[in-house]
């Protein structure tokens, strides 16, 4: 279990390093989340969260 916790902590640190200004976490429901101001994204996996985050940021740049 310790390996899982350390692996999750490492993934959270990596997300934080790449996406400045966002807070990340893994909820009790197993969903990953990202929050910045009034923006909130959730996904069942880290990979899907990153995909949603990239799409969200791209959409904001296009607006």
C-alpha atoms as a PDB file:
ATOM      1  CA  UNK A   1       0.000   0.000   0.000  1.00  0.00           C
ATOM      2  CA  UNK A   2       2.897   2.341   0.726  1.00  0.00           C
ATOM      3  CA  UNK A   3       4.042   2.002  -2.901  1.00  0.00           C
ATOM      4  CA  UNK A   4       0.577   3.064  -4.074  1.00  0.00           C
ATOM      5  CA  UNK A   5       0.583   6.122  -1.806  1.00  0.00           C
ATOM      6  CA  UNK A   6       4.080   7.126  -2.914  1.00  0.00           C
ATOM      7  CA  UNK A   7       3.142   6.585  -6.567  1.00  0.00           C
ATOM      8  CA  UNK A   8       0.050   8.751  -6.211  1.00  0.00           C
ATOM      9  CA  UNK A   9       2.031  11.455  -4.413  1.00  0.00           C
ATOM     10  CA  UNK A  10       4.592  11.455  -7.224  1.00  0.00           C
ATOM     11  CA  UNK A  11       1.850  11.764  -9.857  1.00  0.00           C
ATOM     12  CA  UNK A  12       0.293  14.678  -7.968  1.00  0.00           C
ATOM     13  CA  UNK A  13       3.696  16.412  -7.792  1.00  0.00           C
ATOM     14  CA  UNK A  14       4.168  15.914 -11.533  1.00  0.00           C
ATOM     15  CA  UNK A  15       0.767  17.419 -12.316  1.00  0.00           C
ATOM     16  CA  UNK A  16       1.485  20.387 -10.061  1.00  0.00           C
ATOM     17  CA  UNK A  17       4.821  20.972 -11.770  1.00  0.00           C
ATOM     18  CA  UNK A  18       3.256  20.978 -15.246  1.00  0.00           C
ATOM     19  CA  UNK A  19       0.046  22.913 -14.533  1.00  0.00           C
ATOM     20  CA  UNK A  20       0.891  26.015 -12.523  1.00  0.00           C
ATOM     21  CA  UNK A  21      -1.914  27.522 -10.474  1.00  0.00           C
ATOM     22  CA  UNK A  22      -3.978  24.336 -10.283  1.00  0.00           C
ATOM     23  CA  UNK A  23      -4.515  22.169  -7.198  1.00  0.00           C
ATOM     24  CA  UNK A  24      -4.787  18.421  -7.691  1.00  0.00           C
ATOM     25  CA  UNK A  25      -6.010  15.521  -5.645  1.00  0.00           C
ATOM     26  CA  UNK A  26      -7.367  12.018  -5.571  1.00  0.00           C
ATOM     27  CA  UNK A  27     -10.736  11.760  -3.848  1.00  0.00           C
ATOM     28  CA  UNK A  28     -12.150   8.991  -1.734  1.00  0.00           C
ATOM     29  CA  UNK A  29     -14.359   7.996  -4.657  1.00  0.00           C
ATOM     30  CA  UNK A  30     -11.221   7.267  -6.666  1.00  0.00           C
ATOM     31  CA  UNK A  31     -11.684  10.268  -8.943  1.00  0.00           C
ATOM     32  CA  UNK A  32      -8.810  12.573  -9.703  1.00  0.00           C
ATOM     33  CA  UNK A  33      -9.612  16.268  -9.525  1.00  0.00           C
ATOM     34  CA  UNK A  34      -8.115  19.618 -10.542  1.00  0.00           C
ATOM     35  CA  UNK A  35      -9.258  22.993  -9.180  1.00  0.00           C
ATOM     36  CA  UNK A  36      -8.307  26.558 -10.060  1.00  0.00           C
ATOM     37  CA  UNK A  37     -10.482  29.468  -8.932  1.00  0.00           C
ATOM     38  CA  UNK A  38     -14.021  28.549 -10.123  1.00  0.00           C
ATOM     39  CA  UNK A  39     -12.784  25.857 -12.484  1.00  0.00           C
ATOM     40  CA  UNK A  40     -13.143  22.238 -11.389  1.00  0.00           C
ATOM     41  CA  UNK A  41     -12.442  19.104 -13.389  1.00  0.00           C
ATOM     42  CA  UNK A  42     -12.886  15.454 -12.337  1.00  0.00           C
ATOM     43  CA  UNK A  43     -11.992  12.176 -14.012  1.00  0.00           C
ATOM     44  CA  UNK A  44     -11.695   8.507 -13.064  1.00  0.00           C
ATOM     45  CA  UNK A  45      -7.983   8.366 -14.000  1.00  0.00           C
ATOM     46  CA  UNK A  46      -4.986  10.668 -14.071  1.00  0.00           C
ATOM     47  CA  UNK A  47      -4.671  10.246 -17.824  1.00  0.00           C
ATOM     48  CA  UNK A  48      -8.267  11.270 -18.419  1.00  0.00           C
ATOM     49  CA  UNK A  49      -7.878  14.228 -16.066  1.00  0.00           C
ATOM     50  CA  UNK A  50      -4.857  15.449 -18.029  1.00  0.00           C
ATOM     51  CA  UNK A  51      -6.783  15.072 -21.276  1.00  0.00           C
ATOM     52  CA  UNK A  52      -9.717  17.072 -19.891  1.00  0.00           C
ATOM     53  CA  UNK A  53      -7.338  19.689 -18.512  1.00  0.00           C
ATOM     54  CA  UNK A  54      -5.557  20.118 -21.866  1.00  0.00           C
ATOM     55  CA  UNK A  55      -8.908  20.376 -23.686  1.00  0.00           C
ATOM     56  CA  UNK A  56     -10.155  22.901 -21.133  1.00  0.00           C
ATOM     57  CA  UNK A  57      -7.036  25.049 -21.448  1.00  0.00           C
ATOM     58  CA  UNK A  58      -7.081  24.847 -25.253  1.00  0.00           C
ATOM     59  CA  UNK A  59     -10.725  25.938 -25.325  1.00  0.00           C
ATOM     60  CA  UNK A  60      -9.896  28.932 -23.136  1.00  0.00           C
ATOM     61  CA  UNK A  61      -7.073  29.983 -25.474  1.00  0.00           C
ATOM     62  CA  UNK A  62      -9.392  29.766 -28.485  1.00  0.00           C
ATOM     63  CA  UNK A  63     -12.021  31.988 -26.826  1.00  0.00           C
END
